[in-house]
Protein backbone atom coordinates (compact mmCIF):
# COMPACT_ATOMS: atom_id res chain seq x y z
CA MET A 1 106.38 108.63 235.12
CA ILE A 2 105.86 109.04 231.37
CA ASN A 3 104.31 112.32 230.20
CA LYS A 4 102.87 111.72 226.74
CA ASN A 5 102.37 115.47 226.30
CA GLU A 6 106.13 115.70 225.86
CA ILE A 7 108.54 113.93 223.53
CA CYS A 8 109.38 110.77 225.45
CA PHE A 9 110.22 107.07 225.23
CA LEU A 10 107.52 104.44 225.57
CA ARG A 11 108.43 101.03 226.92
CA PRO A 12 106.54 98.22 225.14
CA ARG A 13 108.22 95.67 227.46
CA LEU A 14 109.88 95.67 230.87
CA VAL A 15 113.19 97.52 231.15
CA GLN A 16 116.18 95.21 230.52
CA PRO A 17 119.18 97.42 231.31
CA THR A 18 121.80 94.73 230.73
CA LYS A 19 120.74 94.17 227.11
CA PRO A 20 121.60 96.32 224.07
CA LEU A 21 119.30 99.32 223.72
CA PHE A 22 117.01 99.25 220.67
CA VAL A 23 115.56 102.71 219.95
CA TYR A 24 112.63 102.79 217.51
CA LEU A 25 111.83 106.11 215.81
CA PRO A 26 108.31 105.93 214.33
CA GLY A 27 106.70 107.18 211.15
CA MET A 28 104.98 110.54 210.80
CA ASP A 29 102.21 109.57 213.23
CA GLY A 30 104.83 109.75 215.99
CA THR A 31 102.80 107.53 218.32
CA GLY A 32 105.56 105.00 218.94
CA GLU A 33 102.87 102.34 219.23
CA LEU A 34 103.12 100.62 215.83
CA LEU A 35 106.01 98.25 216.54
CA THR A 36 103.62 95.71 218.02
CA THR A 37 104.22 92.85 215.58
CA GLN A 38 107.98 93.03 216.19
CA THR A 39 108.29 93.53 219.95
CA ASN A 40 108.00 89.95 221.21
CA LYS A 41 110.95 88.67 219.22
CA LEU A 42 113.07 91.81 219.58
CA ALA A 43 112.55 91.87 223.35
CA GLN A 44 114.36 88.54 223.67
CA THR A 45 117.58 90.30 222.69
CA PHE A 46 117.03 94.02 223.25
CA ASP A 47 115.91 96.60 225.76
CA LEU A 48 113.20 98.35 223.72
CA CYS A 49 112.40 102.08 223.60
CA CYS A 50 109.90 103.65 221.22
CA LEU A 51 109.99 107.40 220.62
CA SER A 52 106.62 109.09 221.15
CA ILE A 53 105.99 112.55 219.68
CA PRO A 54 102.83 114.28 220.95
CA ALA A 55 100.03 114.68 218.42
CA TYR A 56 100.17 118.49 218.61
CA ASP A 57 103.96 118.77 218.55
CA LEU A 58 105.37 121.14 215.90
CA SER A 59 109.08 120.64 216.60
CA ASP A 60 111.59 121.19 213.81
CA TRP A 61 114.30 118.70 212.87
CA ASP A 62 116.89 120.21 215.22
CA THR A 63 114.53 120.05 218.19
CA LEU A 64 113.44 116.49 217.45
CA SER A 65 117.05 115.41 217.00
CA ASN A 66 118.28 117.13 220.17
CA LYS A 67 115.46 115.85 222.38
CA THR A 68 115.81 112.29 221.10
CA THR A 69 119.56 112.42 221.61
CA ASP A 70 119.00 113.59 225.20
CA LEU A 71 116.60 110.71 225.83
CA ILE A 72 119.09 108.14 224.51
CA GLN A 73 121.88 109.62 226.60
CA GLN A 74 119.69 109.36 229.70
CA GLU A 75 119.04 105.69 228.94
CA ILE A 76 122.72 104.78 228.65
CA ALA A 77 124.02 107.10 231.42
CA THR A 78 124.31 104.29 233.96
CA LEU A 79 125.95 101.90 231.50
CA PRO A 80 127.81 103.94 228.83
CA SER A 81 129.31 100.83 227.24
CA ARG A 82 125.89 99.49 226.29
CA MET A 83 125.40 98.97 222.56
CA VAL A 84 122.74 101.16 220.93
CA TYR A 85 120.73 100.14 217.86
CA LEU A 86 118.97 103.14 216.29
CA CYS A 87 116.04 102.10 214.08
CA GLY A 88 114.06 104.68 212.12
CA GLU A 89 111.00 103.92 209.99
CA SER A 90 109.76 106.33 207.28
CA PHE A 91 109.70 109.80 208.96
CA GLY A 92 111.75 108.23 211.76
CA GLY A 93 114.32 107.12 209.19
CA SER A 94 114.96 110.75 208.30
CA LEU A 95 115.23 111.60 211.99
CA ALA A 96 117.66 108.70 212.52
CA LEU A 97 119.89 110.09 209.77
CA ARG A 98 119.83 113.54 211.40
CA ILE A 99 120.80 112.07 214.77
CA SER A 100 123.58 109.96 213.24
CA LEU A 101 125.04 113.02 211.55
CA ALA A 102 124.79 115.21 214.66
CA ALA A 103 125.85 112.62 217.24
CA PRO A 104 127.74 109.84 215.44
CA GLU A 105 129.05 108.38 218.70
CA LEU A 106 125.55 107.76 220.06
CA SER A 107 124.73 104.49 218.26
CA GLN A 108 126.74 101.51 217.06
CA ARG A 109 124.16 100.20 214.58
CA LEU A 110 121.78 102.13 212.32
CA ILE A 111 118.65 100.59 210.77
CA LEU A 112 116.58 102.50 208.22
CA VAL A 113 113.19 101.06 207.21
CA ASN A 114 111.70 102.68 204.09
CA PRO A 115 113.26 105.99 205.15
CA ALA A 116 111.36 109.10 204.03
CA SER A 117 114.61 110.75 202.92
CA SER A 118 113.24 110.18 199.40
CA PHE A 119 110.10 112.27 200.02
CA HIS A 120 111.27 115.15 197.81
CA GLN A 121 111.39 112.71 194.88
CA ARG A 122 107.57 112.55 194.99
CA PRO A 123 106.51 116.17 194.21
CA ILE A 124 102.84 115.19 194.21
CA LEU A 125 103.05 114.42 197.94
CA SER A 126 104.05 118.03 198.60
CA LEU A 127 100.64 119.21 197.40
CA GLY A 128 99.18 118.12 200.70
CA ILE A 129 101.31 120.61 202.65
CA ASN A 130 99.18 123.58 201.62
CA LEU A 131 95.96 121.70 200.89
CA ILE A 132 95.46 119.76 204.14
CA PRO A 133 94.90 122.76 206.46
CA TRP A 134 91.96 123.87 204.28
CA LEU A 135 90.14 120.55 204.26
CA PRO A 136 87.00 120.25 206.40
CA SER A 137 87.79 118.10 209.43
CA TYR A 138 85.40 115.33 208.39
CA ILE A 139 87.17 115.00 205.04
CA HIS A 140 90.54 114.93 206.78
CA LYS A 141 89.39 112.04 208.98
CA THR A 142 87.84 110.16 206.06
CA SER A 143 90.86 110.65 203.79
CA ALA A 144 92.95 108.46 206.10
CA ILE A 145 90.98 105.42 204.89
CA GLY A 146 91.77 106.28 201.28
CA LEU A 147 95.47 106.54 202.06
CA LEU A 148 95.72 103.09 203.66
CA PRO A 149 96.36 101.18 200.38
CA PHE A 150 99.32 103.51 199.68
CA LEU A 151 100.76 103.18 203.17
CA ALA A 152 100.48 99.42 203.46
CA GLU A 153 99.99 96.16 201.63
CA LEU A 154 96.70 95.50 203.40
CA SER A 155 96.55 91.81 202.45
CA ARG A 156 99.72 91.28 204.52
CA ILE A 157 98.46 93.06 207.65
CA GLU A 158 96.10 91.62 210.25
CA THR A 159 92.85 93.41 211.12
CA LYS A 160 94.13 94.56 214.52
CA GLU A 161 97.20 96.20 212.98
CA ARG A 162 95.12 97.83 210.22
CA ARG A 163 92.94 99.45 212.85
CA ALA A 164 95.97 100.60 214.83
CA LEU A 165 97.49 102.17 211.70
CA LEU A 166 94.23 103.95 210.86
CA GLN A 167 93.88 105.21 214.42
CA ALA A 168 97.46 106.48 214.40
CA MET A 169 96.85 108.33 211.12
CA ARG A 170 93.69 109.93 212.48
CA SER A 171 95.39 111.00 215.70
CA LEU A 172 97.19 113.94 214.07
CA PRO A 173 95.52 117.34 213.62
CA GLN A 174 95.55 118.71 210.09
CA GLU A 175 98.07 121.46 210.83
CA VAL A 176 100.48 118.90 212.30
CA VAL A 177 100.20 116.65 209.25
CA SER A 178 100.96 119.67 207.04
CA TRP A 179 103.92 120.68 209.25
CA ARG A 180 105.51 117.23 209.30
CA LEU A 181 105.07 116.91 205.54
CA SER A 182 106.91 120.23 205.21
CA LEU A 183 109.75 118.81 207.31
CA LEU A 184 110.02 115.86 204.93
CA GLN A 185 109.88 118.17 201.91
CA SER A 186 112.82 120.17 203.23
CA PHE A 187 114.84 117.12 204.30
CA VAL A 188 117.94 116.54 202.19
CA VAL A 189 120.96 114.43 203.04
CA SER A 190 123.81 114.57 200.56
CA GLU A 191 126.13 111.76 199.52
CA GLN A 192 129.00 113.65 201.17
CA GLU A 193 127.12 113.74 204.48
CA LEU A 194 126.30 110.04 204.20
CA THR A 195 129.99 109.18 203.89
CA SER A 196 130.51 110.54 207.42
CA ILE A 197 128.14 107.95 208.93
CA LYS A 198 130.62 105.26 209.86
CA GLN A 199 128.55 102.78 211.84
CA PRO A 200 127.19 99.66 210.10
CA THR A 201 123.87 100.60 208.52
CA LEU A 202 121.12 98.32 207.26
CA VAL A 203 118.50 99.77 204.90
CA VAL A 204 115.28 97.74 204.67
CA ALA A 205 113.13 98.56 201.63
CA GLY A 206 109.67 97.39 200.67
CA GLY A 207 109.65 96.28 197.05
CA ALA A 208 105.92 97.03 196.82
CA ASP A 209 106.08 100.46 198.48
CA LYS A 210 103.42 102.59 196.74
CA LEU A 211 104.15 105.71 198.75
CA LEU A 212 107.88 106.29 198.27
CA PRO A 213 110.62 105.01 195.92
CA SER A 214 112.15 103.06 198.77
CA VAL A 215 114.19 100.58 196.72
CA GLU A 216 115.80 103.38 194.70
CA GLU A 217 116.52 105.30 197.90
CA ALA A 218 118.03 102.21 199.51
CA ASN A 219 120.39 101.86 196.59
CA ARG A 220 121.39 105.54 196.82
CA LEU A 221 122.02 105.37 200.56
CA VAL A 222 123.99 102.14 200.46
CA LYS A 223 126.28 103.41 197.70
CA ALA A 224 127.28 106.37 199.88
CA LEU A 225 127.32 104.83 203.35
CA PRO A 226 130.78 103.41 204.18
CA GLN A 227 129.28 100.36 205.91
CA GLY A 228 125.88 100.30 204.27
CA GLN A 229 123.98 97.23 203.21
CA MET A 230 120.39 96.67 202.20
CA THR A 231 117.72 94.04 202.11
CA ILE A 232 114.66 94.19 199.86
CA LEU A 233 111.31 92.76 200.95
CA PRO A 234 109.81 92.10 197.49
CA GLN A 235 106.12 91.96 198.49
CA SER A 236 106.16 94.47 201.33
CA GLY A 237 104.60 97.91 201.35
CA HIS A 238 105.61 101.11 203.12
CA ALA A 239 104.43 100.10 206.60
CA CYS A 240 106.27 96.80 206.33
CA LEU A 241 106.94 96.37 210.06
CA LEU A 242 103.19 95.89 210.62
CA GLU A 243 103.08 92.95 208.24
CA ALA A 244 102.58 89.55 209.82
CA GLU A 245 105.29 87.94 207.70
CA THR A 246 107.93 90.60 208.38
CA ASN A 247 110.32 89.59 211.15
CA LEU A 248 112.80 92.36 211.85
CA TYR A 249 114.74 90.21 214.31
CA GLU A 250 115.29 87.56 211.60
CA ILE A 251 116.26 90.26 209.09
CA LEU A 252 118.89 91.60 211.48
CA GLY A 253 120.25 88.12 212.11
CA GLN A 254 120.38 87.18 208.44
CA ASN A 255 122.32 90.38 207.69
CA ASN A 256 124.85 89.77 210.49
CA PHE A 257 123.52 92.71 212.46
CA LEU A 258 123.40 90.72 215.67
CA GLU A 259 126.20 89.11 217.60
CA SER A 260 126.15 85.34 217.13
CA LYS A 261 125.14 84.76 220.75
CA GLN A 262 122.16 87.11 220.26
CA PHE A 263 120.72 85.44 217.19
CA VAL A 264 118.57 82.35 217.60
CA PRO A 265 116.89 81.48 214.25
CA SER A 266 113.19 80.67 214.37
């Protein structure tokens, strides 16, 4: 039974143990519930797991990495030969890089979607680390609405997904937002470290990302990663996986990230 008060995996679809394992590491909200627009298509090919980090969790990078690694190992224990796709979005992209560096044997494919490894390149975002804890709670809740245009290209997201994104943003207490921002501020992965990540890696970057310099970061990562490649979504914002026109399954297929027998074009 899932205990959402602990770091755990959510299952958006029925368990499919004979299929490759697709592990989704979410953005800073940590809910693991914002992959909704992608699950139907992905579930045709993959056994889906979404990492869920409790709203009050103040784990550091090492703890998050170790606990996620343990969860993946539990999933593949009965079938060690099963292929693992590790997909990290934004905050989860940084976590995916940490896991790949600490346990390189754990996954055979790495997917980074607008990874927040470029956070330190936006010094203005760091202002929130010390400011947020002092905001009155009603301002903290209201500010989430003002941040939406920076997090997403709203014209490309359906009303249901907009509400889900807003709810996920509001789910975090102020001190947790400040803590997770501090984790991103301290996150640095060098070119030398990137060269040790040997598995094929696909970096997906939103060309209209207003929050982070995702295209520039994609270029930096791909230059250092031995088997790195990237795809740019010209009109997509930071939360590109919520966009109705974004099809991660198609993106994987078009970039030869699926075995031929797995990929059935729409």
